[in-house]
């Protein structure tokens, strides 16, 4: 929870600095934050889909096609199998995915919120 608040506060401060340094109007800030929020939301969505194992059939099929088109030695196949079975490596990959997913979610929510606030201010002020 503390990490989420820190990331949200940090992204808010970064957007304030960008708007002050770049002399951006409210509409430009709205557009920029909306694009960044959508990109962060896209990153979150991609990681969520990868973690759900939805694409495993496609990935396994392409691996089989790769093995048929480009034969590999037994040692490289064994090295791949060992890497897939490595518990510590798989746990590290999972933890990195979780951290990136959490950061992307917080950044997307924060920047999309800033975008909506700037849009409302721009609409009501002008």
Protein backbone atom coordinates (compact mmCIF):
# COMPACT_ATOMS: atom_id res chain seq x y z
CA UNK A 1 0.00 0.00 0.00
CA UNK A 2 2.83 2.38 0.85
CA UNK A 3 4.46 1.65 -2.50
CA UNK A 4 1.24 2.47 -4.35
CA UNK A 5 0.88 5.80 -2.55
CA UNK A 6 4.54 6.60 -3.19
CA UNK A 7 4.27 5.80 -6.91
CA UNK A 8 1.05 7.80 -7.25
CA UNK A 9 2.57 10.78 -5.43
CA UNK A 10 5.75 10.56 -7.46
CA UNK A 11 3.87 10.44 -10.76
CA UNK A 12 1.73 13.41 -9.69
CA UNK A 13 4.85 15.42 -8.82
CA UNK A 14 6.46 14.46 -12.13
CA UNK A 15 3.40 15.68 -14.03
CA UNK A 16 3.44 18.95 -12.09
CA UNK A 17 7.10 19.46 -12.95
CA UNK A 18 6.54 18.59 -16.62
CA UNK A 19 3.68 21.06 -16.86
CA UNK A 20 5.66 23.85 -15.18
CA UNK A 21 8.92 23.29 -17.07
CA UNK A 22 7.23 22.81 -20.45
CA UNK A 23 4.79 25.71 -20.04
CA UNK A 24 1.97 23.44 -21.17
CA UNK A 25 -1.67 24.45 -21.34
CA UNK A 26 -4.35 22.42 -19.60
CA UNK A 27 -5.40 20.86 -22.89
CA UNK A 28 -1.82 19.78 -23.68
CA UNK A 29 -1.45 18.30 -20.19
CA UNK A 30 -4.76 16.50 -20.67
CA UNK A 31 -3.65 14.98 -23.97
CA UNK A 32 -0.21 14.00 -22.70
CA UNK A 33 -1.46 12.41 -19.47
CA UNK A 34 -4.21 10.58 -21.32
CA UNK A 35 -1.74 9.03 -23.77
CA UNK A 36 0.67 8.03 -20.99
CA UNK A 37 -2.22 6.60 -18.96
CA UNK A 38 -3.41 4.54 -21.91
CA UNK A 39 0.10 3.23 -22.55
CA UNK A 40 0.46 2.24 -18.88
CA UNK A 41 -2.96 0.58 -19.01
CA UNK A 42 -1.89 -1.30 -22.14
CA UNK A 43 1.26 -2.53 -20.36
CA UNK A 44 -0.88 -3.69 -17.43
CA UNK A 45 -3.26 -5.49 -19.79
CA UNK A 46 -0.47 -7.27 -21.67
CA UNK A 47 1.13 -8.50 -18.44
CA UNK A 48 -2.27 -9.62 -17.13
CA UNK A 49 -2.93 -11.61 -20.32
CA UNK A 50 0.53 -13.18 -20.20
CA UNK A 51 0.04 -14.22 -16.57
CA UNK A 52 -3.35 -15.75 -17.34
CA UNK A 53 -1.64 -18.30 -19.67
CA UNK A 54 -4.16 -17.46 -22.37
CA UNK A 55 -1.49 -17.34 -25.07
CA UNK A 56 0.37 -20.51 -24.04
CA UNK A 57 -1.13 -22.57 -26.89
CA UNK A 58 0.07 -20.04 -29.46
CA UNK A 59 3.51 -19.71 -27.88
CA UNK A 60 3.96 -23.48 -27.67
CA UNK A 61 2.86 -23.85 -31.29
CA UNK A 62 5.36 -21.26 -32.47
CA UNK A 63 8.09 -22.99 -30.44
CA UNK A 64 7.30 -26.26 -32.23
CA UNK A 65 7.40 -24.52 -35.61
CA UNK A 66 10.73 -22.98 -34.63
CA UNK A 67 12.14 -26.40 -33.72
CA UNK A 68 10.98 -27.84 -37.06
CA UNK A 69 12.37 -25.00 -39.17
CA UNK A 70 15.60 -24.48 -37.23
CA UNK A 71 16.80 -27.72 -35.63
CA UNK A 72 18.56 -27.32 -32.31
CA UNK A 73 21.16 -29.44 -30.65
CA UNK A 74 20.32 -31.62 -27.68
CA UNK A 75 22.35 -29.43 -25.38
CA UNK A 76 20.39 -26.28 -26.28
CA UNK A 77 17.09 -28.16 -25.83
CA UNK A 78 18.29 -29.40 -22.46
CA UNK A 79 19.35 -25.90 -21.45
CA UNK A 80 15.86 -24.60 -22.34
CA UNK A 81 14.22 -27.37 -20.33
CA UNK A 82 16.43 -26.63 -17.34
CA UNK A 83 15.60 -22.93 -17.57
CA UNK A 84 11.87 -23.73 -17.68
CA UNK A 85 12.19 -25.97 -14.60
CA UNK A 86 14.33 -23.56 -12.58
CA UNK A 87 12.21 -22.64 -9.57
CA UNK A 88 14.15 -19.53 -8.55
CA UNK A 89 14.19 -18.10 -12.07
CA UNK A 90 10.45 -18.65 -12.50
CA UNK A 91 9.73 -17.08 -9.12
CA UNK A 92 11.93 -14.08 -9.99
CA UNK A 93 10.10 -13.65 -13.32
CA UNK A 94 6.76 -13.79 -11.53
CA UNK A 95 7.82 -11.20 -8.96
CA UNK A 96 9.11 -8.85 -11.67
CA UNK A 97 5.83 -9.22 -13.58
CA UNK A 98 3.85 -8.45 -10.42
CA UNK A 99 5.90 -5.35 -9.65
CA UNK A 100 5.62 -4.03 -13.21
CA UNK A 101 1.89 -4.82 -13.27
CA UNK A 102 1.29 -2.99 -9.98
CA UNK A 103 3.35 0.04 -11.05
CA UNK A 104 1.59 0.20 -14.43
CA UNK A 105 -1.81 0.03 -12.73
CA UNK A 106 -0.99 2.82 -10.28
CA UNK A 107 0.58 5.03 -12.94
CA UNK A 108 -2.34 4.50 -15.33
CA UNK A 109 -4.95 5.28 -12.68
CA UNK A 110 -3.04 8.36 -11.51
CA UNK A 111 -2.37 9.79 -14.96
CA UNK A 112 -5.87 9.08 -16.24
CA UNK A 113 -7.22 10.79 -13.12
CA UNK A 114 -5.00 13.80 -13.74
CA UNK A 115 -6.19 13.81 -17.34
CA UNK A 116 -9.85 13.87 -16.30
CA UNK A 117 -9.25 16.63 -13.74
CA UNK A 118 -7.37 18.75 -16.29
CA UNK A 119 -10.12 18.16 -18.85
CA UNK A 120 -12.78 19.24 -16.35
CA UNK A 121 -10.77 22.32 -15.37
CA UNK A 122 -10.19 23.23 -19.00
CA UNK A 123 -13.88 22.77 -19.80
CA UNK A 124 -15.17 24.77 -16.82
CA UNK A 125 -12.54 27.52 -16.80
CA UNK A 126 -12.69 28.40 -20.48
